[in-house]
């Protein structure tokens, strides 16, 4: 599923560790995730660390898990995709 960049949440690897980048402008290697908890849960298994080319630290995982808890649980539907593109 391909979504416009503005509808995704950027995670960036910085010298200080992993950061959530709502502006999309932080310097560093980045990865984009959907704004749904299911996507984040799947990415935390290894895909995110692989995309950022790092091993996630306990602090990184805590930051990501805390942010993930604020996201909706349900997976994206076609209706969601259509409304995000408008």
C-alpha atoms as a PDB file:
ATOM      1  CA  UNK A   1       0.000   0.000   0.000  1.00  0.00           C
ATOM      2  CA  UNK A   2       1.497   3.324  -1.085  1.00  0.00           C
ATOM      3  CA  UNK A   3       0.370   6.519   0.627  1.00  0.00           C
ATOM      4  CA  UNK A   4       1.362  10.146   0.144  1.00  0.00           C
ATOM      5  CA  UNK A   5       4.338  11.085   2.309  1.00  0.00           C
ATOM      6  CA  UNK A   6       2.352  13.744   4.164  1.00  0.00           C
ATOM      7  CA  UNK A   7      -0.024  11.092   5.527  1.00  0.00           C
ATOM      8  CA  UNK A   8       2.832   9.052   7.027  1.00  0.00           C
ATOM      9  CA  UNK A   9       4.836   9.511  10.219  1.00  0.00           C
ATOM     10  CA  UNK A  10       8.594   9.812   9.838  1.00  0.00           C
ATOM     11  CA  UNK A  11      10.964   8.129  12.258  1.00  0.00           C
ATOM     12  CA  UNK A  12      14.552   9.339  12.054  1.00  0.00           C
ATOM     13  CA  UNK A  13      17.863   8.030  13.354  1.00  0.00           C
ATOM     14  CA  UNK A  14      19.893  10.847  14.887  1.00  0.00           C
ATOM     15  CA  UNK A  15      23.122  10.908  16.858  1.00  0.00           C
ATOM     16  CA  UNK A  16      20.968  11.184  19.992  1.00  0.00           C
ATOM     17  CA  UNK A  17      18.892   8.118  19.072  1.00  0.00           C
ATOM     18  CA  UNK A  18      15.595   7.509  17.318  1.00  0.00           C
ATOM     19  CA  UNK A  19      13.180  10.455  17.101  1.00  0.00           C
ATOM     20  CA  UNK A  20       9.633  10.947  15.846  1.00  0.00           C
ATOM     21  CA  UNK A  21       9.816  13.637  13.156  1.00  0.00           C
ATOM     22  CA  UNK A  22       6.394  15.223  12.568  1.00  0.00           C
ATOM     23  CA  UNK A  23       7.905  17.916  10.317  1.00  0.00           C
ATOM     24  CA  UNK A  24       9.795  15.453   8.127  1.00  0.00           C
ATOM     25  CA  UNK A  25      12.785  17.801   8.213  1.00  0.00           C
ATOM     26  CA  UNK A  26      15.140  16.381  10.848  1.00  0.00           C
ATOM     27  CA  UNK A  27      18.538  15.389   9.511  1.00  0.00           C
ATOM     28  CA  UNK A  28      19.296  11.680   9.587  1.00  0.00           C
ATOM     29  CA  UNK A  29      18.288   8.375   8.094  1.00  0.00           C
ATOM     30  CA  UNK A  30      14.512   8.113   8.106  1.00  0.00           C
ATOM     31  CA  UNK A  31      11.705   5.637   7.696  1.00  0.00           C
ATOM     32  CA  UNK A  32       7.991   6.259   7.221  1.00  0.00           C
ATOM     33  CA  UNK A  33       5.146   4.431   8.958  1.00  0.00           C
ATOM     34  CA  UNK A  34       1.372   4.555   8.606  1.00  0.00           C
ATOM     35  CA  UNK A  35      -0.503   6.288  11.391  1.00  0.00           C
ATOM     36  CA  UNK A  36      -2.003   3.016  12.617  1.00  0.00           C
ATOM     37  CA  UNK A  37      -0.880   1.016  15.633  1.00  0.00           C
ATOM     38  CA  UNK A  38      -0.906  -2.285  13.719  1.00  0.00           C
ATOM     39  CA  UNK A  39       1.707  -0.958  11.311  1.00  0.00           C
ATOM     40  CA  UNK A  40       3.923   0.191  14.195  1.00  0.00           C
ATOM     41  CA  UNK A  41       3.561  -3.145  15.991  1.00  0.00           C
ATOM     42  CA  UNK A  42       4.736  -4.983  12.897  1.00  0.00           C
ATOM     43  CA  UNK A  43       7.622  -2.591  12.272  1.00  0.00           C
ATOM     44  CA  UNK A  44       8.903  -2.918  15.853  1.00  0.00           C
ATOM     45  CA  UNK A  45       9.640  -6.608  15.269  1.00  0.00           C
ATOM     46  CA  UNK A  46      12.685  -5.781  13.106  1.00  0.00           C
ATOM     47  CA  UNK A  47      11.674  -3.885   9.987  1.00  0.00           C
ATOM     48  CA  UNK A  48      12.165  -0.432  11.498  1.00  0.00           C
ATOM     49  CA  UNK A  49      15.602  -1.245  12.899  1.00  0.00           C
ATOM     50  CA  UNK A  50      16.560  -2.686   9.518  1.00  0.00           C
ATOM     51  CA  UNK A  51      15.293   0.402   7.653  1.00  0.00           C
ATOM     52  CA  UNK A  52      17.190   2.727   9.997  1.00  0.00           C
ATOM     53  CA  UNK A  53      20.249   0.424   9.959  1.00  0.00           C
ATOM     54  CA  UNK A  54      20.497   0.320  13.758  1.00  0.00           C
ATOM     55  CA  UNK A  55      19.686  -1.837  16.750  1.00  0.00           C
ATOM     56  CA  UNK A  56      16.870  -0.196  18.684  1.00  0.00           C
ATOM     57  CA  UNK A  57      17.880   0.593  22.269  1.00  0.00           C
ATOM     58  CA  UNK A  58      15.551   0.253  25.246  1.00  0.00           C
ATOM     59  CA  UNK A  59      15.110   4.046  25.176  1.00  0.00           C
ATOM     60  CA  UNK A  60      14.248   3.968  21.458  1.00  0.00           C
ATOM     61  CA  UNK A  61      11.685   1.216  22.028  1.00  0.00           C
ATOM     62  CA  UNK A  62      10.152   3.110  24.960  1.00  0.00           C
ATOM     63  CA  UNK A  63       9.787   6.292  22.879  1.00  0.00           C
ATOM     64  CA  UNK A  64       8.242   4.406  19.964  1.00  0.00           C
ATOM     65  CA  UNK A  65       5.923   2.338  22.172  1.00  0.00           C
ATOM     66  CA  UNK A  66       4.687   5.447  23.995  1.00  0.00           C
ATOM     67  CA  UNK A  67       3.948   7.193  20.693  1.00  0.00           C
ATOM     68  CA  UNK A  68       2.399   4.028  19.241  1.00  0.00           C
ATOM     69  CA  UNK A  69      -0.100   3.921  22.125  1.00  0.00           C
ATOM     70  CA  UNK A  70      -1.588   7.220  20.886  1.00  0.00           C
ATOM     71  CA  UNK A  71      -2.356   5.814  17.423  1.00  0.00           C
ATOM     72  CA  UNK A  72      -5.624   4.203  16.289  1.00  0.00           C
ATOM     73  CA  UNK A  73      -5.639   0.391  16.434  1.00  0.00           C
ATOM     74  CA  UNK A  74      -7.603  -0.493  13.335  1.00  0.00           C
ATOM     75  CA  UNK A  75      -5.825  -1.138  10.041  1.00  0.00           C
ATOM     76  CA  UNK A  76      -6.208   1.272   7.139  1.00  0.00           C
ATOM     77  CA  UNK A  77      -9.251   0.758   4.952  1.00  0.00           C
ATOM     78  CA  UNK A  78      -9.868   1.894   1.403  1.00  0.00           C
ATOM     79  CA  UNK A  79     -12.136   4.613   2.819  1.00  0.00           C
ATOM     80  CA  UNK A  80      -9.210   5.889   4.958  1.00  0.00           C
ATOM     81  CA  UNK A  81      -6.973   5.961   1.906  1.00  0.00           C
ATOM     82  CA  UNK A  82      -9.538   7.863  -0.151  1.00  0.00           C
ATOM     83  CA  UNK A  83     -10.105  10.475   2.577  1.00  0.00           C
ATOM     84  CA  UNK A  84      -6.340  10.996   3.111  1.00  0.00           C
ATOM     85  CA  UNK A  85      -5.800  11.691  -0.570  1.00  0.00           C
ATOM     86  CA  UNK A  86      -8.412  14.473  -0.625  1.00  0.00           C
END
